[in-house]
Amino acid sequence: MGSIILLFYISLIGLGIYAIYTFLQRTKERNEYLKDIRDELRELNKKTVDKD
């Protein structure tokens, strides 16, 4: 009975670590995507300012 409880706790810890890792990876990907958008907007803004 004790080994089942221990296995349950280990699996919960593993699931928690997996969830945190996945969250951090998705946050990193989102930040990269937002940086790309930022760079494109800056480039468009430079072109617009240069025309005026």
N, C-alpha and C. Protein backbone atom coordinates (compact mmCIF):
# COMPACT_ATOMS: atom_id res chain seq x y z
N MET A 1 0.83 -1.20 0.00
CA MET A 1 0.00 0.00 0.00
C MET A 1 0.87 1.25 0.00
N GLY A 2 1.94 1.23 0.74
CA GLY A 2 2.83 2.39 0.81
C GLY A 2 3.53 2.67 -0.50
N SER A 3 3.84 1.59 -1.25
CA SER A 3 4.52 1.80 -2.53
C SER A 3 3.59 2.43 -3.56
N ILE A 4 2.30 2.13 -3.47
CA ILE A 4 1.32 2.73 -4.38
C ILE A 4 1.21 4.23 -4.12
N ILE A 5 1.19 4.62 -2.86
CA ILE A 5 1.12 6.04 -2.50
C ILE A 5 2.38 6.75 -2.96
N LEU A 6 3.54 6.13 -2.76
CA LEU A 6 4.80 6.70 -3.20
C LEU A 6 4.81 6.87 -4.72
N LEU A 7 4.36 5.88 -5.44
CA LEU A 7 4.27 5.96 -6.90
C LEU A 7 3.33 7.08 -7.33
N PHE A 8 2.23 7.24 -6.62
CA PHE A 8 1.27 8.30 -6.92
C PHE A 8 1.91 9.68 -6.73
N TYR A 9 2.62 9.88 -5.65
CA TYR A 9 3.27 11.16 -5.39
C TYR A 9 4.36 11.45 -6.42
N ILE A 10 5.12 10.44 -6.78
CA ILE A 10 6.16 10.62 -7.80
C ILE A 10 5.54 11.00 -9.14
N SER A 11 4.43 10.35 -9.48
CA SER A 11 3.77 10.69 -10.74
C SER A 11 3.20 12.11 -10.70
N LEU A 12 2.70 12.54 -9.56
CA LEU A 12 2.21 13.93 -9.44
C LEU A 12 3.36 14.93 -9.61
N ILE A 13 4.48 14.63 -9.02
CA ILE A 13 5.64 15.51 -9.15
C ILE A 13 6.10 15.55 -10.62
N GLY A 14 6.13 14.40 -11.25
CA GLY A 14 6.50 14.34 -12.67
C GLY A 14 5.53 15.12 -13.54
N LEU A 15 4.25 15.00 -13.27
CA LEU A 15 3.25 15.75 -14.02
C LEU A 15 3.42 17.25 -13.80
N GLY A 16 3.71 17.65 -12.58
CA GLY A 16 3.94 19.06 -12.29
C GLY A 16 5.14 19.61 -13.04
N ILE A 17 6.22 18.85 -13.05
CA ILE A 17 7.43 19.27 -13.77
C ILE A 17 7.14 19.37 -15.27
N TYR A 18 6.42 18.41 -15.80
CA TYR A 18 6.05 18.43 -17.22
C TYR A 18 5.20 19.66 -17.55
N ALA A 19 4.24 19.97 -16.69
CA ALA A 19 3.35 21.11 -16.92
C ALA A 19 4.16 22.42 -16.90
N ILE A 20 5.06 22.55 -15.96
CA ILE A 20 5.88 23.77 -15.87
C ILE A 20 6.79 23.88 -17.09
N TYR A 21 7.40 22.78 -17.49
CA TYR A 21 8.28 22.78 -18.67
C TYR A 21 7.50 23.17 -19.93
N THR A 22 6.32 22.60 -20.10
CA THR A 22 5.49 22.92 -21.27
C THR A 22 5.08 24.38 -21.25
N PHE A 23 4.69 24.89 -20.09
CA PHE A 23 4.32 26.30 -19.97
C PHE A 23 5.48 27.21 -20.35
N LEU A 24 6.67 26.89 -19.87
CA LEU A 24 7.84 27.72 -20.17
C LEU A 24 8.19 27.68 -21.65
N GLN A 25 8.08 26.51 -22.27
CA GLN A 25 8.36 26.38 -23.70
C GLN A 25 7.37 27.20 -24.52
N ARG A 26 6.10 27.11 -24.18
CA ARG A 26 5.09 27.87 -24.93
C ARG A 26 5.26 29.37 -24.73
N THR A 27 5.64 29.78 -23.53
CA THR A 27 5.90 31.19 -23.27
C THR A 27 7.08 31.67 -24.10
N LYS A 28 8.11 30.86 -24.19
CA LYS A 28 9.29 31.21 -24.99
C LYS A 28 8.92 31.35 -26.46
N GLU A 29 8.12 30.40 -26.98
CA GLU A 29 7.69 30.47 -28.37
C GLU A 29 6.84 31.72 -28.62
N ARG A 30 5.94 32.03 -27.69
CA ARG A 30 5.09 33.21 -27.84
C ARG A 30 5.93 34.48 -27.85
N ASN A 31 6.95 34.54 -26.98
CA ASN A 31 7.82 35.71 -26.94
C ASN A 31 8.59 35.87 -28.25
N GLU A 32 9.06 34.77 -28.82
CA GLU A 32 9.75 34.84 -30.11
C GLU A 32 8.81 35.35 -31.19
N TYR A 33 7.59 34.87 -31.19
CA TYR A 33 6.59 35.30 -32.16
C TYR A 33 6.31 36.80 -32.00
N LEU A 34 6.17 37.26 -30.77
CA LEU A 34 5.92 38.68 -30.52
C LEU A 34 7.12 39.54 -30.92
N LYS A 35 8.33 39.02 -30.74
CA LYS A 35 9.52 39.76 -31.17
C LYS A 35 9.53 39.92 -32.68
N ASP A 36 9.14 38.86 -33.40
CA ASP A 36 9.06 38.94 -34.86
C ASP A 36 8.05 40.00 -35.28
N ILE A 37 6.90 40.03 -34.64
CA ILE A 37 5.88 41.03 -34.95
C ILE A 37 6.42 42.43 -34.66
N ARG A 38 7.10 42.58 -33.53
CA ARG A 38 7.68 43.88 -33.16
C ARG A 38 8.66 44.35 -34.22
N ASP A 39 9.53 43.45 -34.67
CA ASP A 39 10.52 43.81 -35.68
C ASP A 39 9.85 44.22 -36.99
N GLU A 40 8.81 43.50 -37.39
CA GLU A 40 8.10 43.84 -38.62
C GLU A 40 7.42 45.20 -38.49
N LEU A 41 6.83 45.48 -37.34
CA LEU A 41 6.19 46.78 -37.14
C LEU A 41 7.21 47.91 -37.15
N ARG A 42 8.35 47.69 -36.55
CA ARG A 42 9.40 48.72 -36.57
C ARG A 42 9.85 49.00 -38.00
N GLU A 43 10.00 47.92 -38.77
CA GLU A 43 10.43 48.08 -40.15
C GLU A 43 9.38 48.85 -40.96
N LEU A 44 8.11 48.52 -40.77
CA LEU A 44 7.04 49.24 -41.46
C LEU A 44 6.99 50.70 -41.02
N ASN A 45 7.22 50.94 -39.74
CA ASN A 45 7.20 52.30 -39.22
C ASN A 45 8.34 53.12 -39.82
N LYS A 46 9.51 52.52 -39.97
CA LYS A 46 10.64 53.22 -40.58
C LYS A 46 10.32 53.60 -42.02
N LYS A 47 9.70 52.67 -42.75
CA LYS A 47 9.34 52.96 -44.14
C LYS A 47 8.32 54.08 -44.21
N THR A 48 7.36 54.10 -43.30
CA THR A 48 6.34 55.13 -43.29
C THR A 48 6.94 56.49 -42.93
N VAL A 49 7.82 56.52 -41.97
CA VAL A 49 8.46 57.78 -41.53
C VAL A 49 9.36 58.31 -42.64
N ASP A 50 10.05 57.42 -43.35
CA ASP A 50 10.95 57.84 -44.41
C ASP A 50 10.18 58.45 -45.59
N LYS A 51 8.95 58.00 -45.82
CA LYS A 51 8.14 58.54 -46.92
C LYS A 51 7.73 59.97 -46.65
N ASP A 52 7.48 60.28 -45.39
CA ASP A 52 6.99 61.64 -45.03
C ASP A 52 8.10 62.61 -45.02
